[in-house]
Amino acid sequence: MLGLAAKAGKIASGEFSTEKAVKSRKAYLVIVAEDASDNTKKMFQNMCTFYRVPMYVYAGKESLGHCIGKQFRASLAVTDEGFSKSLESKLKLLEKTE
């Protein structure tokens, strides 16, 4: 699903782009890599709480980047409401199975 969103141009990836998408209220969902630094996770958690954007921690940097056809990505924002709802439902299912 992340790959489809990336092909459709509905993903902002990398810390700077993700932060910009959240602050400009274009982000509907933020995903941060499990192996991102604690500082990065805390920064995005605080930002997403303030701007009321759901945030999930998922996979490693390499795996997250691979999902969208890039190399390493510590964070990404989904900028389409439809893709974000679909991804969020899948991420919630993953959380329940862990």
N, C-alpha and C. Protein backbone atom coordinates (compact mmCIF):
# COMPACT_ATOMS: atom_id res chain seq x y z
N MET A 1 0.83 -1.20 0.00
CA MET A 1 0.00 0.00 0.00
C MET A 1 0.87 1.26 0.00
N LEU A 2 1.98 1.21 0.74
CA LEU A 2 2.90 2.36 0.76
C LEU A 2 3.49 2.59 -0.62
N GLY A 3 3.78 1.51 -1.35
CA GLY A 3 4.31 1.62 -2.69
C GLY A 3 3.33 2.30 -3.63
N LEU A 4 2.05 1.95 -3.51
CA LEU A 4 1.02 2.58 -4.34
C LEU A 4 0.91 4.07 -4.03
N ALA A 5 0.94 4.40 -2.76
CA ALA A 5 0.86 5.81 -2.36
C ALA A 5 2.06 6.58 -2.89
N ALA A 6 3.25 5.94 -2.85
CA ALA A 6 4.46 6.60 -3.35
C ALA A 6 4.36 6.83 -4.86
N LYS A 7 3.87 5.82 -5.58
CA LYS A 7 3.73 5.98 -7.04
C LYS A 7 2.73 7.07 -7.39
N ALA A 8 1.71 7.24 -6.54
CA ALA A 8 0.69 8.26 -6.76
C ALA A 8 1.18 9.64 -6.32
N GLY A 9 2.38 9.70 -5.72
CA GLY A 9 2.92 10.98 -5.28
C GLY A 9 2.28 11.49 -4.00
N LYS A 10 1.79 10.58 -3.18
CA LYS A 10 1.09 10.96 -1.95
C LYS A 10 1.91 10.66 -0.70
N ILE A 11 3.24 10.61 -0.85
CA ILE A 11 4.15 10.35 0.27
C ILE A 11 5.17 11.48 0.36
N ALA A 12 5.38 11.99 1.56
CA ALA A 12 6.49 12.91 1.83
C ALA A 12 7.46 12.13 2.70
N SER A 13 8.69 11.90 2.21
CA SER A 13 9.61 11.07 2.98
C SER A 13 10.85 11.84 3.39
N GLY A 14 11.45 11.38 4.47
CA GLY A 14 12.60 12.07 5.05
C GLY A 14 12.12 13.00 6.16
N GLU A 15 12.99 13.26 7.10
CA GLU A 15 12.59 14.06 8.27
C GLU A 15 12.08 15.45 7.90
N PHE A 16 12.81 16.16 7.05
CA PHE A 16 12.44 17.53 6.71
C PHE A 16 11.08 17.56 5.99
N SER A 17 10.90 16.71 4.99
CA SER A 17 9.64 16.69 4.23
C SER A 17 8.46 16.24 5.09
N THR A 18 8.71 15.28 5.96
CA THR A 18 7.65 14.79 6.85
C THR A 18 7.22 15.90 7.80
N GLU A 19 8.20 16.58 8.38
CA GLU A 19 7.91 17.69 9.31
C GLU A 19 7.13 18.80 8.59
N LYS A 20 7.55 19.12 7.38
CA LYS A 20 6.88 20.16 6.59
C LYS A 20 5.43 19.77 6.29
N ALA A 21 5.20 18.50 5.94
CA ALA A 21 3.85 18.03 5.63
C ALA A 21 2.94 18.10 6.86
N VAL A 22 3.48 17.74 8.01
CA VAL A 22 2.68 17.78 9.25
C VAL A 22 2.34 19.23 9.61
N LYS A 23 3.36 20.09 9.59
CA LYS A 23 3.14 21.48 10.00
C LYS A 23 2.27 22.27 9.02
N SER A 24 2.25 21.87 7.75
CA SER A 24 1.38 22.54 6.78
C SER A 24 0.02 21.85 6.69
N ARG A 25 -0.21 20.92 7.61
CA ARG A 25 -1.48 20.18 7.74
C ARG A 25 -1.84 19.40 6.48
N LYS A 26 -0.83 18.91 5.77
CA LYS A 26 -1.07 18.08 4.59
C LYS A 26 -0.96 16.60 4.92
N ALA A 27 -0.38 16.27 6.08
CA ALA A 27 -0.18 14.87 6.46
C ALA A 27 -1.42 14.31 7.16
N TYR A 28 -1.80 13.11 6.75
CA TYR A 28 -2.93 12.41 7.39
C TYR A 28 -2.43 11.27 8.25
N LEU A 29 -1.17 10.88 8.05
CA LEU A 29 -0.60 9.76 8.79
C LEU A 29 0.92 9.89 8.73
N VAL A 30 1.59 9.61 9.86
CA VAL A 30 3.06 9.63 9.90
C VAL A 30 3.54 8.25 10.34
N ILE A 31 4.57 7.75 9.64
CA ILE A 31 5.18 6.48 10.02
C ILE A 31 6.66 6.74 10.26
N VAL A 32 7.14 6.29 11.44
CA VAL A 32 8.54 6.47 11.81
C VAL A 32 9.16 5.07 11.94
N ALA A 33 10.38 4.91 11.47
CA ALA A 33 11.08 3.62 11.52
C ALA A 33 11.38 3.23 12.97
N GLU A 34 11.32 1.92 13.23
CA GLU A 34 11.61 1.41 14.58
C GLU A 34 13.02 1.76 15.03
N ASP A 35 13.96 1.72 14.08
CA ASP A 35 15.35 1.97 14.44
C ASP A 35 15.77 3.44 14.27
N ALA A 36 14.78 4.34 14.16
CA ALA A 36 15.08 5.77 14.16
C ALA A 36 15.53 6.16 15.57
N SER A 37 16.26 7.23 15.68
CA SER A 37 16.76 7.64 17.00
C SER A 37 15.59 7.99 17.93
N ASP A 38 15.84 7.86 19.22
CA ASP A 38 14.82 8.19 20.22
C ASP A 38 14.40 9.65 20.09
N ASN A 39 15.37 10.51 19.76
CA ASN A 39 15.10 11.93 19.59
C ASN A 39 14.11 12.16 18.43
N THR A 40 14.32 11.46 17.33
CA THR A 40 13.44 11.57 16.16
C THR A 40 12.04 11.09 16.51
N LYS A 41 11.95 9.95 17.17
CA LYS A 41 10.63 9.40 17.55
C LYS A 41 9.89 10.37 18.46
N LYS A 42 10.62 10.92 19.46
CA LYS A 42 9.99 11.85 20.40
C LYS A 42 9.55 13.13 19.70
N MET A 43 10.38 13.65 18.79
CA MET A 43 10.04 14.87 18.07
C MET A 43 8.74 14.67 17.27
N PHE A 44 8.67 13.56 16.52
CA PHE A 44 7.48 13.31 15.72
C PHE A 44 6.26 12.99 16.59
N GLN A 45 6.48 12.30 17.71
CA GLN A 45 5.36 12.00 18.62
C GLN A 45 4.76 13.29 19.14
N ASN A 46 5.61 14.21 19.59
CA ASN A 46 5.12 15.50 20.10
C ASN A 46 4.44 16.32 19.01
N MET A 47 5.05 16.36 17.83
CA MET A 47 4.50 17.12 16.72
C MET A 47 3.14 16.55 16.28
N CYS A 48 3.07 15.23 16.17
CA CYS A 48 1.83 14.59 15.73
C CYS A 48 0.71 14.74 16.77
N THR A 49 1.08 14.72 18.03
CA THR A 49 0.09 14.95 19.08
C THR A 49 -0.46 16.37 18.98
N PHE A 50 0.43 17.34 18.78
CA PHE A 50 0.03 18.74 18.69
C PHE A 50 -0.87 18.98 17.48
N TYR A 51 -0.49 18.43 16.33
CA TYR A 51 -1.25 18.66 15.09
C TYR A 51 -2.36 17.63 14.86
N ARG A 52 -2.52 16.72 15.83
CA ARG A 52 -3.55 15.67 15.78
C ARG A 52 -3.45 14.81 14.51
N VAL A 53 -2.25 14.31 14.27
CA VAL A 53 -1.99 13.40 13.16
C VAL A 53 -1.60 12.05 13.75
N PRO A 54 -2.25 10.95 13.34
CA PRO A 54 -1.86 9.65 13.88
C PRO A 54 -0.43 9.29 13.49
N MET A 55 0.31 8.70 14.43
CA MET A 55 1.69 8.30 14.17
C MET A 55 1.89 6.85 14.55
N TYR A 56 2.60 6.12 13.72
CA TYR A 56 2.90 4.72 14.01
C TYR A 56 4.40 4.49 13.84
N VAL A 57 4.92 3.56 14.63
CA VAL A 57 6.31 3.13 14.49
C VAL A 57 6.26 1.78 13.80
N TYR A 58 6.95 1.68 12.65
CA TYR A 58 6.85 0.47 11.85
C TYR A 58 8.17 0.18 11.15
N ALA A 59 8.59 -1.07 11.17
CA ALA A 59 9.75 -1.60 10.44
C ALA A 59 11.04 -0.80 10.67
N GLY A 60 12.08 -1.21 10.01
CA GLY A 60 13.36 -0.53 10.10
C GLY A 60 13.49 0.51 9.00
N LYS A 61 14.54 1.32 9.08
CA LYS A 61 14.76 2.38 8.09
C LYS A 61 14.87 1.80 6.68
N GLU A 62 15.63 0.71 6.56
CA GLU A 62 15.85 0.11 5.25
C GLU A 62 14.55 -0.44 4.68
N SER A 63 13.79 -1.12 5.51
CA SER A 63 12.52 -1.71 5.08
C SER A 63 11.50 -0.63 4.72
N LEU A 64 11.44 0.43 5.51
CA LEU A 64 10.52 1.53 5.26
C LEU A 64 10.86 2.22 3.93
N GLY A 65 12.14 2.43 3.70
CA GLY A 65 12.57 3.03 2.44
C GLY A 65 12.27 2.12 1.26
N HIS A 66 12.49 0.83 1.45
CA HIS A 66 12.23 -0.14 0.38
C HIS A 66 10.76 -0.15 -0.03
N CYS A 67 9.87 0.02 0.93
CA CYS A 67 8.42 0.04 0.66
C CYS A 67 8.04 1.14 -0.34
N ILE A 68 8.78 2.24 -0.31
CA ILE A 68 8.44 3.36 -1.20
C ILE A 68 9.45 3.53 -2.34
N GLY A 69 10.31 2.51 -2.52
CA GLY A 69 11.25 2.54 -3.63
C GLY A 69 12.45 3.45 -3.41
N LYS A 70 12.80 3.69 -2.16
CA LYS A 70 13.96 4.53 -1.84
C LYS A 70 14.95 3.69 -1.04
N GLN A 71 16.07 4.31 -0.60
CA GLN A 71 17.02 3.55 0.21
C GLN A 71 16.58 3.56 1.67
N PHE A 72 17.14 4.42 2.48
CA PHE A 72 16.81 4.48 3.90
C PHE A 72 15.85 5.62 4.16
N ARG A 73 14.84 5.39 4.95
CA ARG A 73 13.91 6.45 5.36
C ARG A 73 13.56 6.25 6.83
N ALA A 74 13.84 7.29 7.65
CA ALA A 74 13.52 7.22 9.08
C ALA A 74 12.07 7.61 9.32
N SER A 75 11.50 8.41 8.40
CA SER A 75 10.12 8.85 8.59
C SER A 75 9.47 9.16 7.25
N LEU A 76 8.15 9.06 7.25
CA LEU A 76 7.40 9.46 6.06
C LEU A 76 6.00 9.88 6.47
N ALA A 77 5.40 10.71 5.65
CA ALA A 77 4.04 11.19 5.88
C ALA A 77 3.18 10.82 4.68
N VAL A 78 1.97 10.34 4.94
CA VAL A 78 1.02 10.04 3.87
C VAL A 78 0.14 11.27 3.71
N THR A 79 0.09 11.82 2.51
CA THR A 79 -0.62 13.08 2.28
C THR A 79 -1.96 12.90 1.56
N ASP A 80 -2.48 11.68 1.59
CA ASP A 80 -3.78 11.40 0.98
C ASP A 80 -4.66 10.71 2.02
N GLU A 81 -5.87 11.21 2.20
CA GLU A 81 -6.75 10.69 3.25
C GLU A 81 -7.13 9.23 3.01
N GLY A 82 -7.41 8.87 1.77
CA GLY A 82 -7.80 7.49 1.45
C GLY A 82 -6.69 6.50 1.75
N PHE A 83 -5.48 6.80 1.27
CA PHE A 83 -4.34 5.92 1.54
C PHE A 83 -4.07 5.84 3.05
N SER A 84 -4.20 6.97 3.74
CA SER A 84 -3.89 6.97 5.17
C SER A 84 -4.88 6.11 5.95
N LYS A 85 -6.15 6.15 5.60
CA LYS A 85 -7.14 5.32 6.30
C LYS A 85 -6.87 3.84 6.07
N SER A 86 -6.55 3.48 4.84
CA SER A 86 -6.26 2.09 4.51
C SER A 86 -5.01 1.60 5.24
N LEU A 87 -3.95 2.42 5.21
CA LEU A 87 -2.71 2.06 5.90
C LEU A 87 -2.90 1.98 7.41
N GLU A 88 -3.67 2.91 7.96
CA GLU A 88 -3.89 2.93 9.40
C GLU A 88 -4.63 1.66 9.85
N SER A 89 -5.60 1.21 9.08
CA SER A 89 -6.32 -0.01 9.45
C SER A 89 -5.37 -1.22 9.43
N LYS A 90 -4.46 -1.27 8.46
CA LYS A 90 -3.49 -2.36 8.39
C LYS A 90 -2.48 -2.27 9.54
N LEU A 91 -2.05 -1.07 9.88
CA LEU A 91 -1.11 -0.90 10.98
C LEU A 91 -1.74 -1.26 12.32
N LYS A 92 -3.04 -0.96 12.48
CA LYS A 92 -3.74 -1.33 13.72
C LYS A 92 -3.82 -2.85 13.85
N LEU A 93 -4.06 -3.54 12.74
CA LEU A 93 -4.09 -5.01 12.76
C LEU A 93 -2.72 -5.58 13.16
N LEU A 94 -1.65 -4.98 12.64
CA LEU A 94 -0.30 -5.42 13.00
C LEU A 94 -0.03 -5.23 14.49
N GLU A 95 -0.50 -4.11 15.05
CA GLU A 95 -0.28 -3.84 16.48
C GLU A 95 -0.99 -4.88 17.34
N LYS A 96 -2.19 -5.31 16.92
CA LYS A 96 -2.95 -6.30 17.69
C LYS A 96 -2.28 -7.66 17.69
N THR A 97 -1.61 -8.02 16.58
CA THR A 97 -0.98 -9.34 16.50
C THR A 97 0.35 -9.40 17.22
N GLU A 98 0.94 -8.26 17.53
CA GLU A 98 2.24 -8.24 18.23
C GLU A 98 2.10 -8.40 19.71
